[in-house]
Amino acid sequence: MISRQDTVSAIGYDGNAALIDRSAKKRYGSMTTEQLAKAGFYRAAAASAILSGSDDELALVATVYNEASGANYSPEAIPRLFGVAKVSVAKTLSL
C-alpha cells in the first residue's frame, strides 16, 4: 500500500504502480483533507477522504465543493465525480 502523501499526489496508475506528481507531493502532501478541499484541490481531498475511510471527511469535501461550485453532490457521489477510489498498488513512480 502506498503512503497517504503518495495517494494525495497520484495522477494516475500504470499497471501495479502509482504515478506521483513529485512537486505536488512536496507542496501539498502534508495538508489535511480539509486544507486540500478549502484550497481547491478537490480530487486530492477526495482521495484523502477515501483513504481515511471517514464518512465525515467525504461529507466535508462534498460541502466545500458544493459551496464553491453551486452544485448539490452527495458525499457518496464525490469519489465518482473526481475519479478516485481506494486502490492497492505495490510501488510508485515519481514524475
PDB file of N, CA and C in Angstrom:
ATOM      1  N   MET A   1       0.847  -1.175   0.000  1.00  0.00           N
ATOM      2  CA  MET A   1       0.000   0.000   0.000  1.00  0.00           C
ATOM      3  C   MET A   1       0.894   1.240   0.000  1.00  0.00           C
ATOM      4  N   ILE A   2       0.526   2.231  -0.798  1.00  0.00           N
ATOM      5  CA  ILE A   2       1.331   3.448  -0.860  1.00  0.00           C
ATOM      6  C   ILE A   2       0.913   4.400   0.258  1.00  0.00           C
ATOM      7  N   SER A   3       1.748   5.374   0.529  1.00  0.00           N
ATOM      8  CA  SER A   3       1.504   6.313   1.624  1.00  0.00           C
ATOM      9  C   SER A   3       0.363   7.277   1.297  1.00  0.00           C
ATOM     10  N   ARG A   4      -0.117   7.963   2.318  1.00  0.00           N
ATOM     11  CA  ARG A   4      -1.159   8.971   2.136  1.00  0.00           C
ATOM     12  C   ARG A   4      -0.651  10.088   1.234  1.00  0.00           C
ATOM     13  N   GLN A   5       0.582  10.524   1.437  1.00  0.00           N
ATOM     14  CA  GLN A   5       1.160  11.589   0.601  1.00  0.00           C
ATOM     15  C   GLN A   5       1.184  11.170  -0.861  1.00  0.00           C
ATOM     16  N   ASP A   6       1.528   9.929  -1.127  1.00  0.00           N
ATOM     17  CA  ASP A   6       1.538   9.425  -2.500  1.00  0.00           C
ATOM     18  C   ASP A   6       0.122   9.349  -3.059  1.00  0.00           C
ATOM     19  N   THR A   7      -0.815   8.905  -2.249  1.00  0.00           N
ATOM     20  CA  THR A   7      -2.210   8.807  -2.687  1.00  0.00           C
ATOM     21  C   THR A   7      -2.762  10.164  -3.068  1.00  0.00           C
ATOM     22  N   VAL A   8      -2.489  11.173  -2.254  1.00  0.00           N
ATOM     23  CA  VAL A   8      -2.997  12.524  -2.488  1.00  0.00           C
ATOM     24  C   VAL A   8      -2.386  13.134  -3.747  1.00  0.00           C
ATOM     25  N   SER A   9      -1.159  12.780  -4.060  1.00  0.00           N
ATOM     26  CA  SER A   9      -0.491  13.382  -5.211  1.00  0.00           C
ATOM     27  C   SER A   9      -0.438  12.456  -6.431  1.00  0.00           C
ATOM     28  N   ALA A  10      -1.165  11.355  -6.396  1.00  0.00           N
ATOM     29  CA  ALA A  10      -1.204  10.436  -7.539  1.00  0.00           C
ATOM     30  C   ALA A  10      -1.955  11.075  -8.704  1.00  0.00           C
ATOM     31  N   ILE A  11      -1.388  10.933  -9.886  1.00  0.00           N
ATOM     32  CA  ILE A  11      -2.029  11.484 -11.085  1.00  0.00           C
ATOM     33  C   ILE A  11      -2.558  10.379 -11.990  1.00  0.00           C
ATOM     34  N   GLY A  12      -2.301   9.150 -11.624  1.00  0.00           N
ATOM     35  CA  GLY A  12      -2.780   8.020 -12.402  1.00  0.00           C
ATOM     36  C   GLY A  12      -2.068   6.746 -11.987  1.00  0.00           C
ATOM     37  N   TYR A  13      -2.312   5.688 -12.732  1.00  0.00           N
ATOM     38  CA  TYR A  13      -1.742   4.387 -12.405  1.00  0.00           C
ATOM     39  C   TYR A  13      -1.266   3.712 -13.678  1.00  0.00           C
ATOM     40  N   ASP A  14      -0.153   3.007 -13.574  1.00  0.00           N
ATOM     41  CA  ASP A  14       0.409   2.253 -14.685  1.00  0.00           C
ATOM     42  C   ASP A  14       0.682   0.848 -14.175  1.00  0.00           C
ATOM     43  N   GLY A  15      -0.212  -0.068 -14.509  1.00  0.00           N
ATOM     44  CA  GLY A  15      -0.071  -1.422 -14.003  1.00  0.00           C
ATOM     45  C   GLY A  15      -0.178  -1.429 -12.486  1.00  0.00           C
ATOM     46  N   ASN A  16       0.846  -1.913 -11.821  1.00  0.00           N
ATOM     47  CA  ASN A  16       0.855  -2.010 -10.363  1.00  0.00           C
ATOM     48  C   ASN A  16       1.636  -0.862  -9.719  1.00  0.00           C
ATOM     49  N   ALA A  17       1.709   0.285 -10.412  1.00  0.00           N
ATOM     50  CA  ALA A  17       2.444   1.434  -9.881  1.00  0.00           C
ATOM     51  C   ALA A  17       1.585   2.690  -9.962  1.00  0.00           C
ATOM     52  N   ALA A  18       1.678   3.487  -8.915  1.00  0.00           N
ATOM     53  CA  ALA A  18       1.003   4.782  -8.906  1.00  0.00           C
ATOM     54  C   ALA A  18       1.964   5.816  -9.490  1.00  0.00           C
ATOM     55  N   LEU A  19       1.465   6.665 -10.373  1.00  0.00           N
ATOM     56  CA  LEU A  19       2.264   7.747 -10.940  1.00  0.00           C
ATOM     57  C   LEU A  19       2.083   8.965 -10.043  1.00  0.00           C
ATOM     58  N   ILE A  20       3.175   9.456  -9.475  1.00  0.00           N
ATOM     59  CA  ILE A  20       3.141  10.507  -8.466  1.00  0.00           C
ATOM     60  C   ILE A  20       3.713  11.804  -9.026  1.00  0.00           C
ATOM     61  N   ASP A  21       2.980  12.886  -8.813  1.00  0.00           N
ATOM     62  CA  ASP A  21       3.456  14.224  -9.153  1.00  0.00           C
ATOM     63  C   ASP A  21       4.368  14.669  -8.008  1.00  0.00           C
ATOM     64  N   ARG A  22       5.658  14.616  -8.237  1.00  0.00           N
ATOM     65  CA  ARG A  22       6.650  14.887  -7.203  1.00  0.00           C
ATOM     66  C   ARG A  22       6.508  16.283  -6.602  1.00  0.00           C
ATOM     67  N   SER A  23       6.275  17.294  -7.428  1.00  0.00           N
ATOM     68  CA  SER A  23       6.165  18.655  -6.902  1.00  0.00           C
ATOM     69  C   SER A  23       4.883  18.827  -6.093  1.00  0.00           C
ATOM     70  N   ALA A  24       3.791  18.207  -6.513  1.00  0.00           N
ATOM     71  CA  ALA A  24       2.540  18.279  -5.742  1.00  0.00           C
ATOM     72  C   ALA A  24       2.704  17.572  -4.399  1.00  0.00           C
ATOM     73  N   LYS A  25       3.396  16.466  -4.406  1.00  0.00           N
ATOM     74  CA  LYS A  25       3.627  15.730  -3.159  1.00  0.00           C
ATOM     75  C   LYS A  25       4.398  16.598  -2.175  1.00  0.00           C
ATOM     76  N   LYS A  26       5.410  17.269  -2.670  1.00  0.00           N
ATOM     77  CA  LYS A  26       6.229  18.116  -1.809  1.00  0.00           C
ATOM     78  C   LYS A  26       5.429  19.293  -1.255  1.00  0.00           C
ATOM     79  N   ARG A  27       4.614  19.910  -2.094  1.00  0.00           N
ATOM     80  CA  ARG A  27       3.854  21.103  -1.687  1.00  0.00           C
ATOM     81  C   ARG A  27       2.618  20.790  -0.857  1.00  0.00           C
ATOM     82  N   TYR A  28       1.885  19.751  -1.258  1.00  0.00           N
ATOM     83  CA  TYR A  28       0.561  19.528  -0.689  1.00  0.00           C
ATOM     84  C   TYR A  28       0.382  18.214   0.054  1.00  0.00           C
ATOM     85  N   GLY A  29       1.389  17.360   0.031  1.00  0.00           N
ATOM     86  CA  GLY A  29       1.256  16.023   0.624  1.00  0.00           C
ATOM     87  C   GLY A  29       0.964  16.002   2.101  1.00  0.00           C
ATOM     88  N   SER A  30       1.357  17.021   2.827  1.00  0.00           N
ATOM     89  CA  SER A  30       1.130  17.027   4.276  1.00  0.00           C
ATOM     90  C   SER A  30      -0.147  17.762   4.679  1.00  0.00           C
ATOM     91  N   MET A  31      -0.879  18.310   3.708  1.00  0.00           N
ATOM     92  CA  MET A  31      -2.120  19.013   4.027  1.00  0.00           C
ATOM     93  C   MET A  31      -3.213  18.020   4.430  1.00  0.00           C
ATOM     94  N   THR A  32      -4.094  18.452   5.332  1.00  0.00           N
ATOM     95  CA  THR A  32      -5.220  17.624   5.735  1.00  0.00           C
ATOM     96  C   THR A  32      -6.278  17.617   4.630  1.00  0.00           C
ATOM     97  N   THR A  33      -7.240  16.735   4.773  1.00  0.00           N
ATOM     98  CA  THR A  33      -8.344  16.695   3.813  1.00  0.00           C
ATOM     99  C   THR A  33      -9.042  18.044   3.756  1.00  0.00           C
ATOM    100  N   GLU A  34      -9.300  18.629   4.902  1.00  0.00           N
ATOM    101  CA  GLU A  34      -9.974  19.927   4.951  1.00  0.00           C
ATOM    102  C   GLU A  34      -9.143  21.014   4.289  1.00  0.00           C
ATOM    103  N   GLN A  35      -7.847  21.039   4.548  1.00  0.00           N
ATOM    104  CA  GLN A  35      -6.974  22.044   3.936  1.00  0.00           C
ATOM    105  C   GLN A  35      -6.953  21.884   2.417  1.00  0.00           C
ATOM    106  N   LEU A  36      -6.892  20.651   1.939  1.00  0.00           N
ATOM    107  CA  LEU A  36      -6.893  20.403   0.499  1.00  0.00           C
ATOM    108  C   LEU A  36      -8.191  20.886  -0.140  1.00  0.00           C
ATOM    109  N   ALA A  37      -9.311  20.558   0.488  1.00  0.00           N
ATOM    110  CA  ALA A  37     -10.607  20.954  -0.063  1.00  0.00           C
ATOM    111  C   ALA A  37     -10.749  22.475  -0.087  1.00  0.00           C
ATOM    112  N   LYS A  38     -10.393  23.122   0.991  1.00  0.00           N
ATOM    113  CA  LYS A  38     -10.543  24.573   1.065  1.00  0.00           C
ATOM    114  C   LYS A  38      -9.583  25.304   0.141  1.00  0.00           C
ATOM    115  N   ALA A  39      -8.472  24.645  -0.221  1.00  0.00           N
ATOM    116  CA  ALA A  39      -7.518  25.234  -1.159  1.00  0.00           C
ATOM    117  C   ALA A  39      -7.933  24.974  -2.610  1.00  0.00           C
ATOM    118  N   GLY A  40      -8.998  24.199  -2.804  1.00  0.00           N
ATOM    119  CA  GLY A  40      -9.482  23.929  -4.149  1.00  0.00           C
ATOM    120  C   GLY A  40      -8.904  22.677  -4.793  1.00  0.00           C
ATOM    121  N   PHE A  41      -8.189  21.870  -4.045  1.00  0.00           N
ATOM    122  CA  PHE A  41      -7.631  20.623  -4.559  1.00  0.00           C
ATOM    123  C   PHE A  41      -8.623  19.498  -4.279  1.00  0.00           C
ATOM    124  N   TYR A  42      -9.734  19.526  -4.979  1.00  0.00           N
ATOM    125  CA  TYR A  42     -10.853  18.638  -4.675  1.00  0.00           C
ATOM    126  C   TYR A  42     -10.546  17.170  -4.943  1.00  0.00           C
ATOM    127  N   ARG A  43      -9.841  16.882  -6.021  1.00  0.00           N
ATOM    128  CA  ARG A  43      -9.511  15.481  -6.307  1.00  0.00           C
ATOM    129  C   ARG A  43      -8.607  14.924  -5.220  1.00  0.00           C
ATOM    130  N   ALA A  44      -7.594  15.689  -4.832  1.00  0.00           N
ATOM    131  CA  ALA A  44      -6.684  15.257  -3.770  1.00  0.00           C
ATOM    132  C   ALA A  44      -7.435  15.108  -2.450  1.00  0.00           C
ATOM    133  N   ALA A  45      -8.338  16.035  -2.173  1.00  0.00           N
ATOM    134  CA  ALA A  45      -9.125  15.968  -0.937  1.00  0.00           C
ATOM    135  C   ALA A  45     -10.018  14.733  -0.949  1.00  0.00           C
ATOM    136  N   ALA A  46     -10.623  14.439  -2.085  1.00  0.00           N
ATOM    137  CA  ALA A  46     -11.472  13.249  -2.196  1.00  0.00           C
ATOM    138  C   ALA A  46     -10.649  11.981  -1.992  1.00  0.00           C
ATOM    139  N   ALA A  47      -9.458  11.927  -2.582  1.00  0.00           N
ATOM    140  CA  ALA A  47      -8.587  10.765  -2.406  1.00  0.00           C
ATOM    141  C   ALA A  47      -8.190  10.608  -0.939  1.00  0.00           C
ATOM    142  N   SER A  48      -7.893  11.714  -0.278  1.00  0.00           N
ATOM    143  CA  SER A  48      -7.540  11.683   1.140  1.00  0.00           C
ATOM    144  C   SER A  48      -8.706  11.171   1.974  1.00  0.00           C
ATOM    145  N   ALA A  49      -9.909  11.645   1.679  1.00  0.00           N
ATOM    146  CA  ALA A  49     -11.095  11.214   2.421  1.00  0.00           C
ATOM    147  C   ALA A  49     -11.370   9.727   2.216  1.00  0.00           C
ATOM    148  N   ILE A  50     -11.230   9.252   0.988  1.00  0.00           N
ATOM    149  CA  ILE A  50     -11.430   7.832   0.689  1.00  0.00           C
ATOM    150  C   ILE A  50     -10.424   6.991   1.462  1.00  0.00           C
ATOM    151  N   LEU A  51      -9.165   7.411   1.453  1.00  0.00           N
ATOM    152  CA  LEU A  51      -8.119   6.663   2.136  1.00  0.00           C
ATOM    153  C   LEU A  51      -8.362   6.616   3.638  1.00  0.00           C
ATOM    154  N   SER A  52      -8.866   7.714   4.204  1.00  0.00           N
ATOM    155  CA  SER A  52      -9.104   7.759   5.647  1.00  0.00           C
ATOM    156  C   SER A  52     -10.262   6.850   6.057  1.00  0.00           C
ATOM    157  N   GLY A  53     -11.185   6.608   5.123  1.00  0.00           N
ATOM    158  CA  GLY A  53     -12.352   5.802   5.436  1.00  0.00           C
ATOM    159  C   GLY A  53     -13.387   6.551   6.254  1.00  0.00           C
ATOM    160  N   SER A  54     -13.217   7.862   6.373  1.00  0.00           N
ATOM    161  CA  SER A  54     -14.104   8.677   7.191  1.00  0.00           C
ATOM    162  C   SER A  54     -15.256   9.250   6.370  1.00  0.00           C
ATOM    163  N   ASP A  55     -16.475   8.912   6.758  1.00  0.00           N
ATOM    164  CA  ASP A  55     -17.650   9.489   6.101  1.00  0.00           C
ATOM    165  C   ASP A  55     -17.713  10.993   6.336  1.00  0.00           C
ATOM    166  N   ASP A  56     -17.242  11.442   7.500  1.00  0.00           N
ATOM    167  CA  ASP A  56     -17.243  12.872   7.813  1.00  0.00           C
ATOM    168  C   ASP A  56     -16.316  13.641   6.872  1.00  0.00           C
ATOM    169  N   GLU A  57     -15.157  13.077   6.556  1.00  0.00           N
ATOM    170  CA  GLU A  57     -14.232  13.749   5.641  1.00  0.00           C
ATOM    171  C   GLU A  57     -14.817  13.819   4.236  1.00  0.00           C
ATOM    172  N   LEU A  58     -15.463  12.764   3.810  1.00  0.00           N
ATOM    173  CA  LEU A  58     -16.090  12.764   2.488  1.00  0.00           C
ATOM    174  C   LEU A  58     -17.227  13.790   2.440  1.00  0.00           C
ATOM    175  N   ALA A  59     -17.980  13.896   3.517  1.00  0.00           N
ATOM    176  CA  ALA A  59     -19.049  14.896   3.593  1.00  0.00           C
ATOM    177  C   ALA A  59     -18.469  16.302   3.566  1.00  0.00           C
ATOM    178  N   LEU A  60     -17.334  16.493   4.205  1.00  0.00           N
ATOM    179  CA  LEU A  60     -16.664  17.797   4.200  1.00  0.00           C
ATOM    180  C   LEU A  60     -16.263  18.188   2.785  1.00  0.00           C
ATOM    181  N   VAL A  61     -15.689  17.259   2.045  1.00  0.00           N
ATOM    182  CA  VAL A  61     -15.291  17.526   0.666  1.00  0.00           C
ATOM    183  C   VAL A  61     -16.523  17.899  -0.164  1.00  0.00           C
ATOM    184  N   ALA A  62     -17.612  17.165   0.014  1.00  0.00           N
ATOM    185  CA  ALA A  62     -18.840  17.462  -0.724  1.00  0.00           C
ATOM    186  C   ALA A  62     -19.354  18.855  -0.385  1.00  0.00           C
ATOM    187  N   THR A  63     -19.341  19.201   0.882  1.00  0.00           N
ATOM    188  CA  THR A  63     -19.824  20.515   1.320  1.00  0.00           C
ATOM    189  C   THR A  63     -18.982  21.638   0.736  1.00  0.00           C
ATOM    190  N   VAL A  64     -17.682  21.518   0.839  1.00  0.00           N
ATOM    191  CA  VAL A  64     -16.788  22.567   0.334  1.00  0.00           C
ATOM    192  C   VAL A  64     -16.927  22.690  -1.182  1.00  0.00           C
ATOM    193  N   TYR A  65     -16.966  21.554  -1.888  1.00  0.00           N
ATOM    194  CA  TYR A  65     -17.105  21.595  -3.343  1.00  0.00           C
ATOM    195  C   TYR A  65     -18.449  22.196  -3.752  1.00  0.00           C
ATOM    196  N   ASN A  66     -19.505  21.772  -3.102  1.00  0.00           N
ATOM    197  CA  ASN A  66     -20.838  22.278  -3.436  1.00  0.00           C
ATOM    198  C   ASN A  66     -20.943  23.781  -3.203  1.00  0.00           C
ATOM    199  N   GLU A  67     -20.354  24.270  -2.139  1.00  0.00           N
ATOM    200  CA  GLU A  67     -20.369  25.710  -1.868  1.00  0.00           C
ATOM    201  C   GLU A  67     -19.606  26.483  -2.938  1.00  0.00           C
ATOM    202  N   ALA A  68     -18.490  25.941  -3.376  1.00  0.00           N
ATOM    203  CA  ALA A  68     -17.663  26.625  -4.372  1.00  0.00           C
ATOM    204  C   ALA A  68     -18.273  26.574  -5.770  1.00  0.00           C
ATOM    205  N   SER A  69     -18.945  25.472  -6.087  1.00  0.00           N
ATOM    206  CA  SER A  69     -19.437  25.277  -7.453  1.00  0.00           C
ATOM    207  C   SER A  69     -20.926  25.562  -7.635  1.00  0.00           C
ATOM    208  N   GLY A  70     -21.649  25.636  -6.544  1.00  0.00           N
ATOM    209  CA  GLY A  70     -23.083  25.797  -6.647  1.00  0.00           C
ATOM    210  C   GLY A  70     -23.805  24.501  -6.966  1.00  0.00           C
ATOM    211  N   ALA A  71     -23.090  23.395  -6.895  1.00  0.00           N
ATOM    212  CA  ALA A  71     -23.670  22.082  -7.181  1.00  0.00           C
ATOM    213  C   ALA A  71     -24.329  21.520  -5.916  1.00  0.00           C
ATOM    214  N   ASN A  72     -24.867  20.323  -6.038  1.00  0.00           N
ATOM    215  CA  ASN A  72     -25.521  19.690  -4.902  1.00  0.00           C
ATOM    216  C   ASN A  72     -25.198  18.191  -4.883  1.00  0.00           C
ATOM    217  N   TYR A  73     -23.910  17.857  -4.895  1.00  0.00           N
ATOM    218  CA  TYR A  73     -23.495  16.454  -4.883  1.00  0.00           C
ATOM    219  C   TYR A  73     -23.559  15.890  -3.469  1.00  0.00           C
ATOM    220  N   SER A  74     -23.967  14.641  -3.377  1.00  0.00           N
ATOM    221  CA  SER A  74     -23.960  13.946  -2.089  1.00  0.00           C
ATOM    222  C   SER A  74     -22.536  13.456  -1.817  1.00  0.00           C
ATOM    223  N   PRO A  75     -22.217  13.190  -0.560  1.00  0.00           N
ATOM    224  CA  PRO A  75     -20.886  12.650  -0.264  1.00  0.00           C
ATOM    225  C   PRO A  75     -20.589  11.352  -1.023  1.00  0.00           C
ATOM    226  N   GLU A  76     -21.612  10.540  -1.251  1.00  0.00           N
ATOM    227  CA  GLU A  76     -21.423   9.270  -1.957  1.00  0.00           C
ATOM    228  C   GLU A  76     -21.051   9.465  -3.424  1.00  0.00           C
ATOM    229  N   ALA A  77     -21.390  10.624  -3.996  1.00  0.00           N
ATOM    230  CA  ALA A  77     -21.099  10.897  -5.409  1.00  0.00           C
ATOM    231  C   ALA A  77     -19.699  11.461  -5.627  1.00  0.00           C
ATOM    232  N   ILE A  78     -19.054  11.914  -4.582  1.00  0.00           N
ATOM    233  CA  ILE A  78     -17.756  12.583  -4.711  1.00  0.00           C
ATOM    234  C   ILE A  78     -16.672  11.677  -5.306  1.00  0.00           C
ATOM    235  N   PRO A  79     -16.514  10.435  -4.862  1.00  0.00           N
ATOM    236  CA  PRO A  79     -15.466   9.595  -5.477  1.00  0.00           C
ATOM    237  C   PRO A  79     -15.625   9.455  -6.985  1.00  0.00           C
ATOM    238  N   ARG A  80     -16.840   9.252  -7.435  1.00  0.00           N
ATOM    239  CA  ARG A  80     -17.066   9.107  -8.882  1.00  0.00           C
ATOM    240  C   ARG A  80     -16.829  10.430  -9.605  1.00  0.00           C
ATOM    241  N   LEU A  81     -17.281  11.529  -9.002  1.00  0.00           N
ATOM    242  CA  LEU A  81     -17.108  12.846  -9.610  1.00  0.00           C
ATOM    243  C   LEU A  81     -15.637  13.133  -9.892  1.00  0.00           C
ATOM    244  N   PHE A  82     -14.765  12.788  -8.952  1.00  0.00           N
ATOM    245  CA  PHE A  82     -13.340  13.088  -9.102  1.00  0.00           C
ATOM    246  C   PHE A  82     -12.507  11.880  -9.528  1.00  0.00           C
ATOM    247  N   GLY A  83     -13.142  10.764  -9.802  1.00  0.00           N
ATOM    248  CA  GLY A  83     -12.433   9.595 -10.320  1.00  0.00           C
ATOM    249  C   GLY A  83     -11.433   9.008  -9.357  1.00  0.00           C
ATOM    250  N   VAL A  84     -11.806   8.929  -8.087  1.00  0.00           N
ATOM    251  CA  VAL A  84     -10.904   8.357  -7.093  1.00  0.00           C
ATOM    252  C   VAL A  84     -11.540   7.137  -6.451  1.00  0.00           C
ATOM    253  N   ALA A  85     -10.705   6.214  -6.032  1.00  0.00           N
ATOM    254  CA  ALA A  85     -11.154   5.005  -5.345  1.00  0.00           C
ATOM    255  C   ALA A  85      -9.997   4.496  -4.501  1.00  0.00           C
ATOM    256  N   LYS A  86     -10.311   3.669  -3.561  1.00  0.00           N
ATOM    257  CA  LYS A  86      -9.265   3.049  -2.757  1.00  0.00           C
ATOM    258  C   LYS A  86      -8.630   1.951  -3.604  1.00  0.00           C
ATOM    259  N   VAL A  87      -7.354   2.075  -3.858  1.00  0.00           N
ATOM    260  CA  VAL A  87      -6.644   1.087  -4.672  1.00  0.00           C
ATOM    261  C   VAL A  87      -5.444   0.562  -3.909  1.00  0.00           C
ATOM    262  N   SER A  88      -5.001  -0.593  -4.297  1.00  0.00           N
ATOM    263  CA  SER A  88      -3.834  -1.197  -3.677  1.00  0.00           C
ATOM    264  C   SER A  88      -2.778  -1.407  -4.764  1.00  0.00           C
ATOM    265  N   VAL A  89      -1.707  -0.647  -4.664  1.00  0.00           N
ATOM    266  CA  VAL A  89      -0.593  -0.799  -5.593  1.00  0.00           C
ATOM    267  C   VAL A  89       0.682  -1.001  -4.796  1.00  0.00           C
ATOM    268  N   ALA A  90       1.634  -1.646  -5.408  1.00  0.00           N
ATOM    269  CA  ALA A  90       2.844  -2.026  -4.697  1.00  0.00           C
ATOM    270  C   ALA A  90       3.956  -0.983  -4.760  1.00  0.00           C
ATOM    271  N   LYS A  91       3.957  -0.152  -5.795  1.00  0.00           N
ATOM    272  CA  LYS A  91       5.073   0.773  -5.930  1.00  0.00           C
ATOM    273  C   LYS A  91       4.621   2.100  -6.515  1.00  0.00           C
ATOM    274  N   THR A  92       5.540   3.061  -6.521  1.00  0.00           N
ATOM    275  CA  THR A  92       5.254   4.371  -7.078  1.00  0.00           C
ATOM    276  C   THR A  92       6.312   4.754  -8.101  1.00  0.00           C
ATOM    277  N   LEU A  93       5.917   5.581  -9.029  1.00  0.00           N
ATOM    278  CA  LEU A  93       6.856   6.172  -9.993  1.00  0.00           C
ATOM    279  C   LEU A  93       6.691   7.682  -9.870  1.00  0.00           C
ATOM    280  N   SER A  94       7.730   8.373  -9.443  1.00  0.00           N
ATOM    281  CA  SER A  94       7.654   9.830  -9.279  1.00  0.00           C
ATOM    282  C   SER A  94       8.031  10.524 -10.572  1.00  0.00           C
ATOM    283  N   LEU A  95       7.203  11.467 -10.947  1.00  0.00           N
ATOM    284  CA  LEU A  95       7.434  12.223 -12.173  1.00  0.00           C
ATOM    285  C   LEU A  95       7.722  13.671 -11.830  1.00  0.00           C
TER     286      LEU A  95
END
